[in-house]
């Protein structure tokens, strides 16, 4: 029972993290491209 609850908690946490990562990812990519000297 505890393992099932722990797995559910981990799954919800990972899903929440991926949701934030997918929202932030475009901003991080554009920031890296704009600050990268190779694109100049």
PDB file of N, CA and C in Angstrom:
ATOM      1  N   UNK A   1       0.848  -1.201   0.000  1.00  0.00           N
ATOM      2  CA  UNK A   1       0.000   0.000   0.000  1.00  0.00           C
ATOM      3  C   UNK A   1       0.884   1.252   0.000  1.00  0.00           C
ATOM      4  N   UNK A   2       1.904   1.236   0.829  1.00  0.00           N
ATOM      5  CA  UNK A   2       2.799   2.389   0.886  1.00  0.00           C
ATOM      6  C   UNK A   2       3.541   2.560  -0.436  1.00  0.00           C
ATOM      7  N   UNK A   3       3.954   1.431  -1.023  1.00  0.00           N
ATOM      8  CA  UNK A   3       4.684   1.508  -2.290  1.00  0.00           C
ATOM      9  C   UNK A   3       3.786   2.065  -3.389  1.00  0.00           C
ATOM     10  N   UNK A   4       2.518   1.665  -3.382  1.00  0.00           N
ATOM     11  CA  UNK A   4       1.586   2.162  -4.396  1.00  0.00           C
ATOM     12  C   UNK A   4       1.388   3.665  -4.235  1.00  0.00           C
ATOM     13  N   UNK A   5       1.272   4.123  -2.997  1.00  0.00           N
ATOM     14  CA  UNK A   5       1.107   5.555  -2.753  1.00  0.00           C
ATOM     15  C   UNK A   5       2.363   6.316  -3.158  1.00  0.00           C
ATOM     16  N   UNK A   6       3.509   5.742  -2.864  1.00  0.00           N
ATOM     17  CA  UNK A   6       4.772   6.389  -3.208  1.00  0.00           C
ATOM     18  C   UNK A   6       4.929   6.485  -4.722  1.00  0.00           C
ATOM     19  N   UNK A   7       4.558   5.422  -5.435  1.00  0.00           N
ATOM     20  CA  UNK A   7       4.652   5.433  -6.897  1.00  0.00           C
ATOM     21  C   UNK A   7       3.716   6.477  -7.485  1.00  0.00           C
ATOM     22  N   UNK A   8       2.518   6.587  -6.922  1.00  0.00           N
ATOM     23  CA  UNK A   8       1.566   7.586  -7.407  1.00  0.00           C
ATOM     24  C   UNK A   8       2.099   8.992  -7.169  1.00  0.00           C
ATOM     25  N   UNK A   9       2.706   9.212  -6.009  1.00  0.00           N
ATOM     26  CA  UNK A   9       3.261  10.525  -5.695  1.00  0.00           C
ATOM     27  C   UNK A   9       4.408  10.868  -6.637  1.00  0.00           C
ATOM     28  N   UNK A  10       5.275   9.901  -6.895  1.00  0.00           N
ATOM     29  CA  UNK A  10       6.406  10.136  -7.792  1.00  0.00           C
ATOM     30  C   UNK A  10       5.910  10.424  -9.205  1.00  0.00           C
ATOM     31  N   UNK A  11       4.914   9.682  -9.661  1.00  0.00           N
ATOM     32  CA  UNK A  11       4.380   9.900 -11.006  1.00  0.00           C
ATOM     33  C   UNK A  11       3.776  11.290 -11.142  1.00  0.00           C
ATOM     34  N   UNK A  12       3.040  11.730 -10.132  1.00  0.00           N
ATOM     35  CA  UNK A  12       2.438  13.061 -10.194  1.00  0.00           C
ATOM     36  C   UNK A  12       3.518  14.141 -10.144  1.00  0.00           C
ATOM     37  N   UNK A  13       4.570  13.914  -9.369  1.00  0.00           N
ATOM     38  CA  UNK A  13       5.655  14.887  -9.271  1.00  0.00           C
ATOM     39  C   UNK A  13       6.399  14.991 -10.597  1.00  0.00           C
ATOM     40  N   UNK A  14       6.674  13.847 -11.228  1.00  0.00           N
ATOM     41  CA  UNK A  14       7.378  13.845 -12.511  1.00  0.00           C
ATOM     42  C   UNK A  14       6.523  14.522 -13.576  1.00  0.00           C
ATOM     43  N   UNK A  15       5.224  14.253 -13.575  1.00  0.00           N
ATOM     44  CA  UNK A  15       4.337  14.879 -14.557  1.00  0.00           C
ATOM     45  C   UNK A  15       4.306  16.387 -14.348  1.00  0.00           C
ATOM     46  N   UNK A  16       4.298  16.834 -13.083  1.00  0.00           N
ATOM     47  CA  UNK A  16       4.287  18.270 -12.802  1.00  0.00           C
ATOM     48  C   UNK A  16       5.594  18.909 -13.255  1.00  0.00           C
ATOM     49  N   UNK A  17       6.707  18.230 -12.992  1.00  0.00           N
ATOM     50  CA  UNK A  17       8.000  18.762 -13.414  1.00  0.00           C
ATOM     51  C   UNK A  17       8.083  18.851 -14.934  1.00  0.00           C
ATOM     52  N   UNK A  18       7.614  17.809 -15.640  1.00  0.00           N
ATOM     53  CA  UNK A  18       7.672  17.830 -17.104  1.00  0.00           C
ATOM     54  C   UNK A  18       6.807  18.948 -17.649  1.00  0.00           C
ATOM     55  N   UNK A  19       5.673  19.222 -16.991  1.00  0.00           N
ATOM     56  CA  UNK A  19       4.804  20.307 -17.458  1.00  0.00           C
ATOM     57  C   UNK A  19       5.543  21.636 -17.363  1.00  0.00           C
ATOM     58  N   UNK A  20       6.241  21.856 -16.255  1.00  0.00           N
ATOM     59  CA  UNK A  20       7.009  23.096 -16.103  1.00  0.00           C
ATOM     60  C   UNK A  20       8.179  23.145 -17.074  1.00  0.00           C
ATOM     61  N   UNK A  21       8.844  22.004 -17.254  1.00  0.00           N
ATOM     62  CA  UNK A  21       9.998  21.967 -18.159  1.00  0.00           C
ATOM     63  C   UNK A  21       9.568  22.284 -19.585  1.00  0.00           C
ATOM     64  N   UNK A  22       8.448  21.727 -20.010  1.00  0.00           N
ATOM     65  CA  UNK A  22       7.989  21.974 -21.376  1.00  0.00           C
ATOM     66  C   UNK A  22       7.576  23.430 -21.560  1.00  0.00           C
ATOM     67  N   UNK A  23       7.131  24.085 -20.480  1.00  0.00           N
ATOM     68  CA  UNK A  23       6.772  25.500 -20.579  1.00  0.00           C
ATOM     69  C   UNK A  23       8.019  26.378 -20.615  1.00  0.00           C
ATOM     70  N   UNK A  24       9.058  25.991 -19.878  1.00  0.00           N
ATOM     71  CA  UNK A  24      10.265  26.811 -19.757  1.00  0.00           C
ATOM     72  C   UNK A  24      11.250  26.539 -20.892  1.00  0.00           C
ATOM     73  N   UNK A  25      11.182  25.337 -21.475  1.00  0.00           N
ATOM     74  CA  UNK A  25      12.164  24.926 -22.476  1.00  0.00           C
ATOM     75  C   UNK A  25      12.333  25.909 -23.633  1.00  0.00           C
ATOM     76  N   UNK A  26      11.263  26.420 -24.263  1.00  0.00           N
ATOM     77  CA  UNK A  26      11.462  27.378 -25.363  1.00  0.00           C
ATOM     78  C   UNK A  26      12.226  28.623 -24.930  1.00  0.00           C
ATOM     79  N   UNK A  27      11.967  29.126 -23.724  1.00  0.00           N
ATOM     80  CA  UNK A  27      12.671  30.317 -23.248  1.00  0.00           C
ATOM     81  C   UNK A  27      14.154  30.015 -23.033  1.00  0.00           C
ATOM     82  N   UNK A  28      14.452  28.822 -22.507  1.00  0.00           N
ATOM     83  CA  UNK A  28      15.850  28.449 -22.291  1.00  0.00           C
ATOM     84  C   UNK A  28      16.573  28.293 -23.621  1.00  0.00           C
ATOM     85  N   UNK A  29      15.904  27.699 -24.604  1.00  0.00           N
ATOM     86  CA  UNK A  29      16.536  27.498 -25.914  1.00  0.00           C
ATOM     87  C   UNK A  29      16.812  28.840 -26.577  1.00  0.00           C
ATOM     88  N   UNK A  30      15.853  29.737 -26.556  1.00  0.00           N
ATOM     89  CA  UNK A  30      16.056  31.040 -27.196  1.00  0.00           C
ATOM     90  C   UNK A  30      17.131  31.837 -26.468  1.00  0.00           C
ATOM     91  N   UNK A  31      17.188  31.689 -25.137  1.00  0.00           N
ATOM     92  CA  UNK A  31      18.219  32.401 -24.375  1.00  0.00           C
ATOM     93  C   UNK A  31      19.602  31.863 -24.719  1.00  0.00           C
ATOM     94  N   UNK A  32      19.726  30.549 -24.822  1.00  0.00           N
ATOM     95  CA  UNK A  32      21.019  29.951 -25.167  1.00  0.00           C
ATOM     96  C   UNK A  32      21.441  30.348 -26.570  1.00  0.00           C
ATOM     97  N   UNK A  33      20.495  30.397 -27.499  1.00  0.00           N
ATOM     98  CA  UNK A  33      20.823  30.764 -28.879  1.00  0.00           C
ATOM     99  C   UNK A  33      21.243  32.233 -28.949  1.00  0.00           C
ATOM    100  N   UNK A  34      20.538  33.090 -28.230  1.00  0.00           N
ATOM    101  CA  UNK A  34      20.853  34.522 -28.288  1.00  0.00           C
ATOM    102  C   UNK A  34      22.190  34.825 -27.608  1.00  0.00           C
ATOM    103  N   UNK A  35      22.574  34.022 -26.610  1.00  0.00           N
ATOM    104  CA  UNK A  35      23.830  34.247 -25.897  1.00  0.00           C
ATOM    105  C   UNK A  35      24.982  33.439 -26.477  1.00  0.00           C
ATOM    106  N   UNK A  36      24.685  32.608 -27.455  1.00  0.00           N
ATOM    107  CA  UNK A  36      25.744  31.779 -28.027  1.00  0.00           C
ATOM    108  C   UNK A  36      26.553  32.579 -29.039  1.00  0.00           C
ATOM    109  N   UNK A  37      27.880  32.614 -28.909  1.00  0.00           N
ATOM    110  CA  UNK A  37      28.702  33.405 -29.841  1.00  0.00           C
ATOM    111  C   UNK A  37      28.787  32.770 -31.227  1.00  0.00           C
ATOM    112  N   UNK A  38      28.446  31.486 -31.343  1.00  0.00           N
ATOM    113  CA  UNK A  38      28.567  30.805 -32.632  1.00  0.00           C
ATOM    114  C   UNK A  38      27.493  31.264 -33.612  1.00  0.00           C
ATOM    115  N   UNK A  39      26.404  31.872 -33.105  1.00  0.00           N
ATOM    116  CA  UNK A  39      25.333  32.316 -33.990  1.00  0.00           C
ATOM    117  C   UNK A  39      25.580  33.725 -34.496  1.00  0.00           C
ATOM    118  N   UNK A  40      26.582  34.390 -33.929  1.00  0.00           N
ATOM    119  CA  UNK A  40      26.849  35.768 -34.357  1.00  0.00           C
ATOM    120  C   UNK A  40      27.470  35.803 -35.740  1.00  0.00           C
TER     121      UNK A  40
END
